[in-house]
Protein backbone atom coordinates (compact mmCIF):
# COMPACT_ATOMS: atom_id res chain seq x y z
CA UNK A 1 267.70 -93.13 93.83
CA UNK A 2 268.29 -90.29 91.35
CA UNK A 3 264.81 -89.60 90.00
CA UNK A 4 266.04 -87.68 86.96
CA UNK A 5 268.33 -90.36 85.56
CA UNK A 6 267.63 -93.58 83.76
CA UNK A 7 267.34 -96.61 85.98
CA UNK A 8 267.19 -100.31 85.29
CA UNK A 9 263.75 -101.56 84.40
CA UNK A 10 262.55 -104.68 86.20
CA UNK A 11 261.18 -107.15 83.63
CA UNK A 12 260.44 -109.74 86.29
CA UNK A 13 258.21 -107.33 88.24
CA UNK A 14 256.47 -106.33 85.01
CA UNK A 15 255.57 -109.96 84.31
CA UNK A 16 254.43 -110.50 87.91
CA UNK A 17 252.14 -107.48 87.65
CA UNK A 18 250.50 -108.72 84.48
CA UNK A 19 250.16 -112.19 85.97
CA UNK A 20 248.61 -110.96 89.21
CA UNK A 21 245.91 -109.02 87.38
CA UNK A 22 245.39 -111.84 84.88
CA UNK A 23 246.05 -109.62 81.87
CA UNK A 24 247.22 -112.57 79.78
CA UNK A 25 245.50 -115.82 80.82
CA UNK A 26 248.35 -117.91 79.43
CA UNK A 27 250.71 -116.39 82.01
CA UNK A 28 248.41 -117.43 84.82
CA UNK A 29 248.10 -120.91 83.35
CA UNK A 30 251.90 -121.28 83.33
CA UNK A 31 252.14 -119.92 86.86
CA UNK A 32 249.59 -122.43 88.15
CA UNK A 33 251.52 -125.28 86.57
CA UNK A 34 254.72 -124.37 88.40
CA UNK A 35 253.32 -122.88 91.62
CA UNK A 36 249.91 -124.45 92.02
CA UNK A 37 246.72 -122.52 92.62
CA UNK A 38 246.76 -119.98 95.46
CA UNK A 39 245.31 -121.26 98.68
CA UNK A 40 242.53 -118.70 98.70
CA UNK A 41 241.87 -118.64 94.97
CA UNK A 42 238.34 -119.89 95.42
CA UNK A 43 237.53 -116.77 97.44
CA UNK A 44 239.06 -114.18 95.14
CA UNK A 45 236.05 -113.93 92.84
CA UNK A 46 233.92 -112.65 95.69
CA UNK A 47 236.06 -110.22 97.60
CA UNK A 48 234.73 -107.06 96.01
CA UNK A 49 231.33 -107.74 97.48
CA UNK A 50 232.31 -109.84 100.42
CA UNK A 51 233.73 -107.38 102.91
CA UNK A 52 230.32 -106.67 104.50
CA UNK A 53 228.85 -109.69 106.27
CA UNK A 54 225.28 -110.97 106.48
CA UNK A 55 224.80 -112.62 109.88
CA UNK A 56 222.24 -115.44 109.92
CA UNK A 57 220.89 -116.58 113.29
CA UNK A 58 219.02 -119.87 113.34
CA UNK A 59 221.02 -120.94 110.30
CA UNK A 60 220.53 -124.68 110.76
CA UNK A 61 216.73 -124.49 110.83
CA UNK A 62 214.40 -125.23 107.96
CA UNK A 63 214.27 -121.62 106.75
CA UNK A 64 217.72 -120.62 107.96
CA UNK A 65 219.67 -123.18 105.96
CA UNK A 66 217.78 -122.10 102.84
CA UNK A 67 218.58 -118.45 103.54
CA UNK A 68 222.27 -119.32 103.81
CA UNK A 69 222.25 -121.23 100.53
CA UNK A 70 220.54 -118.40 98.66
CA UNK A 71 222.84 -115.72 100.07
CA UNK A 72 225.96 -117.66 99.14
CA UNK A 73 224.61 -118.26 95.62
CA UNK A 74 224.21 -114.51 95.18
CA UNK A 75 227.77 -113.73 96.26
CA UNK A 76 227.17 -112.51 99.82
CA UNK A 77 229.64 -113.12 102.60
CA UNK A 78 227.63 -115.14 105.14
CA UNK A 79 228.38 -115.73 108.79
CA UNK A 80 226.23 -118.25 110.65
CA UNK A 81 225.56 -118.02 114.36
CA UNK A 82 225.33 -121.56 115.74
CA UNK A 83 225.47 -123.24 119.11
CA UNK A 84 227.47 -126.26 118.02
CA UNK A 85 229.83 -126.07 115.03
CA UNK A 86 230.25 -129.85 114.77
CA UNK A 87 226.50 -130.34 114.43
CA UNK A 88 226.07 -127.35 112.11
CA UNK A 89 228.87 -128.18 109.68
CA UNK A 90 227.15 -131.19 108.00
CA UNK A 91 224.02 -129.07 107.53
CA UNK A 92 225.64 -125.90 106.19
CA UNK A 93 228.76 -127.20 104.47
CA UNK A 94 232.51 -126.85 104.85
CA UNK A 95 232.88 -123.45 103.18
CA UNK A 96 230.52 -121.48 105.43
CA UNK A 97 231.84 -119.20 108.17
CA UNK A 98 230.46 -120.54 111.46
CA UNK A 99 230.73 -118.75 114.81
CA UNK A 100 229.57 -120.02 118.17
CA UNK A 101 226.95 -117.97 119.95
CA UNK A 102 223.54 -118.14 121.58
CA UNK A 103 221.03 -115.30 121.37
CA UNK A 104 219.67 -116.26 124.79
CA UNK A 105 223.13 -115.54 126.24
CA UNK A 106 224.10 -111.97 125.31
CA UNK A 107 227.66 -112.44 126.56
CA UNK A 108 228.26 -114.83 123.64
CA UNK A 109 227.41 -112.15 121.05
CA UNK A 110 231.01 -110.96 120.90
CA UNK A 111 233.00 -108.86 118.44
CA UNK A 112 233.99 -112.08 116.66
CA UNK A 113 230.31 -112.76 116.02
CA UNK A 114 229.20 -109.23 115.16
CA UNK A 115 232.21 -107.63 113.44
CA UNK A 116 231.58 -105.92 110.11
CA UNK A 117 227.95 -106.98 109.78
CA UNK A 118 225.87 -105.31 107.10
CA UNK A 119 222.58 -106.99 108.00
CA UNK A 120 221.12 -109.65 110.29
CA UNK A 121 218.56 -112.26 109.27
CA UNK A 122 217.00 -113.87 112.33
CA UNK A 123 215.44 -117.28 111.64
CA UNK A 124 215.55 -118.58 115.21
CA UNK A 125 212.57 -120.29 116.83
CA UNK A 126 211.84 -122.65 119.67
CA UNK A 127 211.75 -126.34 118.86
CA UNK A 128 208.28 -127.85 118.61
CA UNK A 129 207.88 -131.62 118.70
CA UNK A 130 204.64 -133.38 117.68
CA UNK A 131 203.03 -135.58 120.30
CA UNK A 132 200.24 -137.83 119.07
CA UNK A 133 196.86 -137.09 120.52
CA UNK A 134 193.30 -136.44 119.44
CA UNK A 135 189.97 -135.17 120.70
CA UNK A 136 186.63 -134.98 118.94
CA UNK A 137 186.99 -131.20 118.65
CA UNK A 138 190.49 -131.37 117.15
CA UNK A 139 189.48 -134.22 114.86
CA UNK A 140 186.58 -132.11 113.62
CA UNK A 141 188.86 -129.13 113.02
CA UNK A 142 191.32 -131.28 111.10
CA UNK A 143 188.55 -132.98 109.14
CA UNK A 144 189.32 -136.42 110.46
CA UNK A 145 193.09 -136.22 109.98
CA UNK A 146 195.04 -137.47 113.00
CA UNK A 147 196.22 -134.45 114.97
CA UNK A 148 199.60 -134.25 116.64
CA UNK A 149 199.70 -132.03 119.67
CA UNK A 150 202.78 -129.76 119.44
CA UNK A 151 205.03 -129.61 122.47
CA UNK A 152 207.86 -127.17 123.20
CA UNK A 153 211.27 -128.82 123.52
CA UNK A 154 214.23 -127.07 125.15
CA UNK A 155 214.26 -123.27 125.43
CA UNK A 156 211.12 -121.42 126.38
CA UNK A 157 209.36 -119.08 123.95
CA UNK A 158 210.05 -116.19 126.29
CA UNK A 159 213.81 -116.82 126.21
CA UNK A 160 214.08 -117.33 122.45
CA UNK A 161 211.29 -115.39 120.76
CA UNK A 162 211.49 -112.33 123.00
CA UNK A 163 214.62 -112.11 125.14
CA UNK A 164 216.85 -113.75 122.54
CA UNK A 165 215.63 -111.53 119.71
CA UNK A 166 215.98 -108.51 121.97
CA UNK A 167 219.57 -109.48 122.82
CA UNK A 168 220.44 -109.93 119.16
CA UNK A 169 218.94 -106.70 117.89
CA UNK A 170 220.37 -104.58 120.71
CA UNK A 171 223.85 -106.01 120.13
CA UNK A 172 223.57 -105.64 116.36
CA UNK A 173 222.69 -101.97 116.76
CA UNK A 174 226.22 -101.37 118.09
CA UNK A 175 227.90 -102.92 115.06
CA UNK A 176 225.73 -102.25 112.01
CA UNK A 177 227.05 -99.58 109.65
CA UNK A 178 225.34 -96.21 109.53
CA UNK A 179 222.08 -95.97 107.66
CA UNK A 180 222.66 -94.71 104.14
CA UNK A 181 226.24 -96.05 103.95
CA UNK A 182 227.36 -99.18 102.17
CA UNK A 183 230.74 -100.56 103.22
CA UNK A 184 233.01 -101.59 100.38
CA UNK A 185 236.24 -102.24 102.30
CA UNK A 186 236.67 -102.02 106.06
CA UNK A 187 240.39 -102.23 106.76
CA UNK A 188 239.89 -102.16 110.52
CA UNK A 189 238.93 -105.82 110.16
CA UNK A 190 241.87 -107.34 108.24
CA UNK A 191 241.30 -110.60 106.42
CA UNK A 192 242.80 -112.85 103.79
CA UNK A 193 240.12 -111.69 101.38
CA UNK A 194 241.44 -108.12 101.46
CA UNK A 195 245.04 -109.23 101.11
CA UNK A 196 244.29 -111.37 98.10
CA UNK A 197 242.38 -108.82 96.04
CA UNK A 198 244.66 -105.73 96.22
CA UNK A 199 247.89 -105.65 94.24
CA UNK A 200 250.54 -103.15 93.13
CA UNK A 201 250.21 -101.60 89.68
CA UNK A 202 253.15 -99.22 89.17
CA UNK A 203 254.80 -97.44 86.26
CA UNK A 204 256.85 -100.58 85.65
CA UNK A 205 254.13 -101.39 83.10
CA UNK A 206 255.40 -98.46 80.98
CA UNK A 207 259.13 -98.79 81.68
CA UNK A 208 259.33 -96.94 85.00
CA UNK A 209 260.91 -98.05 88.25
CA UNK A 210 258.46 -96.85 90.92
CA UNK A 211 257.48 -99.52 93.45
CA UNK A 212 254.58 -99.72 95.87
CA UNK A 213 252.74 -102.13 98.11
CA UNK A 214 249.47 -102.43 99.97
CA UNK A 215 250.15 -103.53 103.53
CA UNK A 216 247.35 -104.74 105.77
CA UNK A 217 247.99 -103.84 109.39
CA UNK A 218 245.97 -104.31 112.56
CA UNK A 219 243.43 -101.50 112.06
CA UNK A 220 244.32 -100.00 108.71
CA UNK A 221 245.76 -100.57 105.25
CA UNK A 222 248.83 -98.67 104.06
CA UNK A 223 249.50 -97.76 100.43
CA UNK A 224 253.22 -97.04 100.52
CA UNK A 225 256.35 -97.17 98.40
CA UNK A 226 258.86 -95.12 96.44
CA UNK A 227 257.71 -93.18 93.40
CA UNK A 228 260.34 -92.21 90.84
CA UNK A 229 260.27 -90.07 87.69
CA UNK A 230 263.15 -92.05 86.16
CA UNK A 231 262.61 -93.59 82.71
CA UNK A 232 259.76 -91.09 82.11
CA UNK A 233 257.76 -92.75 84.85
CA UNK A 234 256.14 -91.14 87.82
CA UNK A 235 253.25 -93.09 89.27
CA UNK A 236 252.62 -95.82 91.78
CA UNK A 237 249.27 -97.40 92.48
CA UNK A 238 247.38 -100.30 93.98
CA UNK A 239 244.33 -101.81 92.34
CA UNK A 240 241.81 -104.54 93.07
CA UNK A 241 241.27 -107.50 90.86
CA UNK A 242 237.96 -107.40 89.02
CA UNK A 243 235.02 -107.98 91.32
CA UNK A 244 232.73 -110.93 90.70
CA UNK A 245 229.88 -110.32 91.10
CA UNK A 246 230.24 -106.67 90.17
CA UNK A 247 229.86 -104.04 92.87
CA UNK A 248 226.41 -102.48 92.66
CA UNK A 249 226.39 -98.91 94.02
CA UNK A 250 223.13 -97.89 92.39
CA UNK A 251 221.07 -95.58 94.57
CA UNK A 252 224.21 -94.17 96.21
CA UNK A 253 225.55 -90.66 95.67
CA UNK A 254 229.28 -91.28 95.92
CA UNK A 255 232.13 -92.89 97.82
CA UNK A 256 233.78 -91.85 101.06
CA UNK A 257 237.35 -92.58 102.11
CA UNK A 258 238.79 -92.28 105.59
CA UNK A 259 242.51 -91.66 105.10
CA UNK A 260 245.66 -90.31 106.72
CA UNK A 261 248.24 -89.14 104.22
CA UNK A 262 251.54 -87.32 103.98
CA UNK A 263 250.44 -84.03 102.45
CA UNK A 264 250.46 -85.22 98.84
CA UNK A 265 247.61 -85.36 96.32
CA UNK A 266 246.34 -88.83 95.50
CA UNK A 267 243.76 -90.25 93.10
CA UNK A 268 241.04 -92.84 93.34
CA UNK A 269 239.65 -94.64 90.29
CA UNK A 270 236.38 -96.51 89.92
CA UNK A 271 236.30 -98.71 86.85
CA UNK A 272 233.25 -100.09 85.11
CA UNK A 273 235.19 -101.83 82.34
CA UNK A 274 236.71 -105.22 83.03
CA UNK A 275 239.42 -104.66 80.43
CA UNK A 276 242.98 -104.15 81.62
CA UNK A 277 243.52 -100.73 80.06
CA UNK A 278 240.05 -99.19 79.86
CA UNK A 279 238.53 -95.93 80.99
CA UNK A 280 238.75 -95.13 84.70
CA UNK A 281 236.61 -92.60 86.54
CA UNK A 282 239.01 -90.58 88.64
CA UNK A 283 239.03 -88.05 91.45
CA UNK A 284 242.07 -86.27 92.95
CA UNK A 285 242.14 -85.53 96.66
CA UNK A 286 244.61 -83.73 98.90
CA UNK A 287 245.84 -84.99 102.24
CA UNK A 288 247.17 -83.30 105.36
CA UNK A 289 250.29 -84.89 106.81
CA UNK A 290 249.55 -87.17 109.78
CA UNK A 291 245.90 -86.15 109.93
CA UNK A 292 242.85 -88.37 109.49
CA UNK A 293 240.40 -87.01 106.92
CA UNK A 294 237.04 -88.10 105.54
CA UNK A 295 237.12 -87.61 101.78
CA UNK A 296 233.62 -87.53 100.32
CA UNK A 297 233.52 -87.95 96.53
CA UNK A 298 230.22 -87.52 94.64
CA UNK A 299 229.93 -89.74 91.60
CA UNK A 300 229.14 -86.60 89.61
CA UNK A 301 232.65 -85.27 90.34
CA UNK A 302 234.48 -88.27 88.93
CA UNK A 303 236.43 -87.55 85.74
CA UNK A 304 236.55 -90.18 82.94
CA UNK A 305 240.19 -90.62 81.95
CA UNK A 306 242.30 -92.91 79.81
CA UNK A 307 246.04 -92.89 80.52
CA UNK A 308 245.74 -89.52 82.35
CA UNK A 309 243.81 -87.90 79.51
CA UNK A 310 240.20 -86.82 79.93
CA UNK A 311 237.81 -88.75 77.72
CA UNK A 312 235.47 -86.36 75.97
CA UNK A 313 231.79 -87.24 75.50
CA UNK A 314 232.14 -90.28 77.74
CA UNK A 315 228.75 -91.68 78.78
CA UNK A 316 227.88 -91.45 82.49
CA UNK A 317 229.44 -94.10 84.69
CA UNK A 318 227.19 -97.08 85.35
CA UNK A 319 227.53 -97.26 89.14
CA UNK A 320 225.63 -100.56 89.21
CA UNK A 321 228.57 -102.31 87.52
CA UNK A 322 231.77 -101.27 89.30
CA UNK A 323 234.52 -103.69 88.30
CA UNK A 324 237.47 -102.50 90.37
CA UNK A 325 238.96 -99.75 92.55
CA UNK A 326 242.40 -98.16 92.36
CA UNK A 327 244.46 -95.74 94.47
CA UNK A 328 247.31 -93.82 92.86
CA UNK A 329 250.05 -91.28 93.47
CA UNK A 330 251.10 -89.65 90.18
CA UNK A 331 253.16 -86.68 89.07
CA UNK A 332 250.41 -85.94 86.53
CA UNK A 333 246.91 -84.61 86.95
CA UNK A 334 245.04 -84.74 83.63
CA UNK A 335 245.85 -83.78 80.03
CA UNK A 336 249.52 -83.13 80.75
CA UNK A 337 249.01 -80.91 83.80
CA UNK A 338 251.29 -81.68 86.76
CA UNK A 339 250.18 -82.66 90.22
CA UNK A 340 250.87 -79.50 92.28
CA UNK A 341 251.35 -81.50 95.50
CA UNK A 342 253.61 -84.24 94.18
CA UNK A 343 257.02 -85.13 95.60
CA UNK A 344 259.07 -88.09 94.32
CA UNK A 345 260.45 -90.51 96.85
CA UNK A 346 258.93 -92.32 99.81
CA UNK A 347 255.17 -91.88 100.29
CA UNK A 348 252.48 -93.27 102.58
CA UNK A 349 248.69 -93.20 102.58
CA UNK A 350 246.80 -94.99 105.35
CA UNK A 351 243.26 -96.07 104.55
CA UNK A 352 240.77 -97.06 107.23
CA UNK A 353 237.71 -97.63 105.07
CA UNK A 354 236.08 -97.16 101.68
CA UNK A 355 232.30 -96.79 101.67
CA UNK A 356 229.49 -95.74 99.38
CA UNK A 357 227.25 -93.07 100.86
CA UNK A 358 223.89 -91.47 100.26
CA UNK A 359 222.15 -94.70 99.36
CA UNK A 360 218.55 -95.53 100.06
CA UNK A 361 217.87 -97.08 103.43
CA UNK A 362 217.97 -100.87 103.26
CA UNK A 363 216.61 -103.19 105.93
CA UNK A 364 219.37 -104.22 108.32
CA UNK A 365 217.42 -106.62 110.52
CA UNK A 366 215.08 -109.20 109.02
CA UNK A 367 212.97 -111.13 111.54
CA UNK A 368 210.89 -114.19 110.74
CA UNK A 369 207.90 -114.07 113.04
CA UNK A 370 204.53 -115.76 112.45
CA UNK A 371 201.09 -114.99 111.16
CA UNK A 372 198.60 -114.94 114.02
CA UNK A 373 200.81 -113.21 116.60
CA UNK A 374 198.16 -110.59 117.38
CA UNK A 375 195.19 -112.96 117.48
CA UNK A 376 195.44 -114.67 120.90
CA UNK A 377 193.12 -112.68 123.14
CA UNK A 378 191.85 -110.48 120.30
CA UNK A 379 188.14 -109.72 120.84
CA UNK A 380 185.83 -111.57 118.46
CA UNK A 381 188.28 -114.32 117.55
CA UNK A 382 186.69 -117.76 117.11
CA UNK A 383 189.51 -120.08 118.18
CA UNK A 384 187.87 -123.09 116.55
CA UNK A 385 188.48 -121.46 113.20
CA UNK A 386 192.09 -120.52 113.92
CA UNK A 387 195.27 -122.48 113.09
CA UNK A 388 196.71 -124.68 115.87
CA UNK A 389 199.39 -122.16 116.87
CA UNK A 390 196.71 -119.58 117.71
CA UNK A 391 194.38 -122.03 119.44
CA UNK A 392 197.18 -123.59 121.47
CA UNK A 393 199.13 -120.43 122.26
CA UNK A 394 198.75 -120.84 126.03
CA UNK A 395 199.66 -124.53 125.97
CA UNK A 396 202.79 -123.65 123.99
CA UNK A 397 204.08 -121.21 126.57
CA UNK A 398 202.56 -118.16 124.90
CA UNK A 399 204.70 -118.64 121.82
CA UNK A 400 202.84 -116.12 119.67
CA UNK A 401 202.63 -113.63 122.50
CA UNK A 402 206.40 -113.72 122.92
CA UNK A 403 206.96 -113.51 119.17
CA UNK A 404 204.97 -110.29 119.20
CA UNK A 405 207.13 -108.97 122.03
CA UNK A 406 210.18 -109.86 119.94
CA UNK A 407 208.76 -107.86 117.04
CA UNK A 408 208.30 -104.89 119.35
CA UNK A 409 211.94 -105.01 120.43
CA UNK A 410 213.04 -104.90 116.78
CA UNK A 411 210.82 -101.90 116.07
CA UNK A 412 212.12 -100.07 119.14
CA UNK A 413 215.78 -100.56 118.17
CA UNK A 414 215.91 -97.82 115.55
CA UNK A 415 217.42 -100.25 113.03
CA UNK A 416 215.72 -100.40 109.60
CA UNK A 417 213.89 -103.72 109.64
CA UNK A 418 211.60 -106.13 107.83
CA UNK A 419 209.30 -108.37 109.89
CA UNK A 420 207.94 -111.34 107.95
CA UNK A 421 204.92 -113.20 109.32
CA UNK A 422 204.57 -116.39 107.28
CA UNK A 423 201.52 -118.61 107.47
CA UNK A 424 201.95 -122.35 108.06
CA UNK A 425 205.36 -123.45 106.79
CA UNK A 426 205.70 -126.39 104.41
CA UNK A 427 208.51 -128.38 102.85
CA UNK A 428 207.03 -128.11 99.35
CA UNK A 429 208.95 -126.51 96.51
CA UNK A 430 208.94 -122.74 96.31
CA UNK A 431 208.19 -120.55 93.32
CA UNK A 432 204.50 -119.93 94.01
CA UNK A 433 202.85 -116.55 93.61
CA UNK A 434 202.81 -114.80 96.97
CA UNK A 435 200.04 -112.91 98.71
CA UNK A 436 201.23 -110.13 101.03
CA UNK A 437 198.74 -108.64 103.49
CA UNK A 438 198.73 -106.56 106.64
CA UNK A 439 196.36 -106.70 109.60
CA UNK A 440 197.11 -110.29 110.67
CA UNK A 441 193.95 -111.88 109.34
CA UNK A 442 195.07 -114.30 106.64
CA UNK A 443 195.42 -118.06 106.93
CA UNK A 444 197.11 -120.47 104.57
CA UNK A 445 200.49 -121.99 103.93
CA UNK A 446 203.82 -121.11 102.37
CA UNK A 447 206.98 -122.97 101.42
CA UNK A 448 210.04 -122.47 103.60
CA UNK A 449 211.94 -121.91 100.39
CA UNK A 450 209.74 -118.93 99.50
CA UNK A 451 210.15 -117.45 102.99
CA UNK A 452 213.92 -117.72 102.60
CA UNK A 453 213.71 -115.95 99.25
CA UNK A 454 211.72 -113.10 100.82
CA UNK A 455 214.45 -112.67 103.45
CA UNK A 456 217.16 -112.40 100.79
CA UNK A 457 215.16 -110.00 98.65
CA UNK A 458 214.31 -107.80 101.65
CA UNK A 459 217.92 -106.87 102.41
CA UNK A 460 218.29 -105.61 98.81
CA UNK A 461 215.10 -103.59 98.52
CA UNK A 462 214.66 -100.14 100.16
CA UNK A 463 210.88 -100.50 99.85
CA UNK A 464 211.09 -103.34 102.38
CA UNK A 465 212.34 -101.04 105.14
CA UNK A 466 210.20 -100.83 108.29
CA UNK A 467 207.53 -103.19 107.03
CA UNK A 468 205.56 -105.81 108.94
CA UNK A 469 203.44 -108.14 106.83
CA UNK A 470 201.84 -111.55 106.60
CA UNK A 471 202.47 -113.78 103.61
CA UNK A 472 201.03 -116.94 102.12
CA UNK A 473 201.19 -118.63 98.74
CA UNK A 474 198.52 -118.72 96.08
CA UNK A 475 197.93 -121.51 93.62
CA UNK A 476 199.63 -119.65 90.80
CA UNK A 477 203.24 -120.13 89.77
CA UNK A 478 205.41 -117.00 89.77
CA UNK A 479 209.09 -117.80 89.47
CA UNK A 480 210.13 -114.17 88.81
CA UNK A 481 208.05 -111.96 91.09
CA UNK A 482 208.37 -108.17 91.00
CA UNK A 483 209.78 -107.71 94.49
CA UNK A 484 209.77 -103.92 94.39
CA UNK A 485 206.10 -103.97 93.45
CA UNK A 486 205.27 -106.49 96.18
CA UNK A 487 207.02 -104.49 98.88
CA UNK A 488 205.66 -101.19 97.55
CA UNK A 489 202.11 -102.49 97.91
CA UNK A 490 202.52 -102.47 101.71
CA UNK A 491 202.29 -99.61 104.20
CA UNK A 492 205.35 -98.88 106.39
CA UNK A 493 204.83 -99.21 110.12
CA UNK A 494 203.98 -96.01 111.93
């Protein structure tokens, strides 16, 4: 191709570009009539957030299934660890990612189970079945209400509450992303979600003839094509569709790319406007041919631009509302200046990952334990005044003792964690005011729905890192609790 001469403009590709990015809704409506909706259209609205995965163990249990529902409702990509997919599917639904594994069998915690996990929420517990029985002492404790003796069914507390938790946390430690980093796209784990959100956006939109693509390979993505200066063009790019929900990078300091280029200078754009042709916050970076580089880009170094011109007096970028990302090779820098490392023709930029860095430490392992775990054998404890789980700890295979051992394995892992010790679990509706305490002295009850909500809030709140606490409900309603304040009221574990 002669880059200095006029070339034939491709109207068809221009229309396809506008259709792909949904610039004119009527075009997409016409396309759907003739082509039908894309197979993965229902997933496209989530891909910006959905590259990292939240792994839920014990997902079919009373708390676990509620955790899954809440995570999905908030746009998280959820993977459920289950023993039997056929039994789990009716409980969790057809659209949930299910993987077979068993925390009591570490060999089942494979790469398929653990790949690309951002956090783990462990809701597993041994099965307890009520067996009718009564004694005068128990009847007195329960104020005349018939008491049902709990009995362990299936796995032992030692295998599940201690060894299983230990297996899960030790395996997770090998896969969880580094503390302080937030994965945005991990191209070493290709998926349909990635393929369906990135699309070419070249100078065809302004009459040029450059052409590019974004190819997903086994362990990387490749931004490649042919850039031409014909027809006054000179740029090729790939861009994501708008994220929904928006990408929240608040608390982070910047983004980091791992790339291997061809010696040219490329650009990355972060956009906080959902409009097609709005302001983009740009940064230019150089590559070394055939060499992997980590490009660290502070948010403060991003330049607000509109059509390659710097926008003066632009307000600071709102990093909590990132709409889309874009990679570009252009003959221009900014305000008419030329890219000093630009060459027309074939180009190639491999991308391994895009991450946010410098963020506050978020919990990466949330464990549901139980209030009372430290009480069996504690001097001065009056068992007659304790809940059944404490009084019957020995009869139940030392269930609380092994839960405490499980907690210790989480704390020893080095992973940022939150350990939740709920009081007696109920099936009542959630939304009650919550009482958080430490010291393992409180008694009471709490809805499973509220425990699930605590799990979901913990993975979003840095103040929840390295906390162990007991929780029960009060009689007050509190549908919008201040989670930061609740977590901040607690003391981190030493």
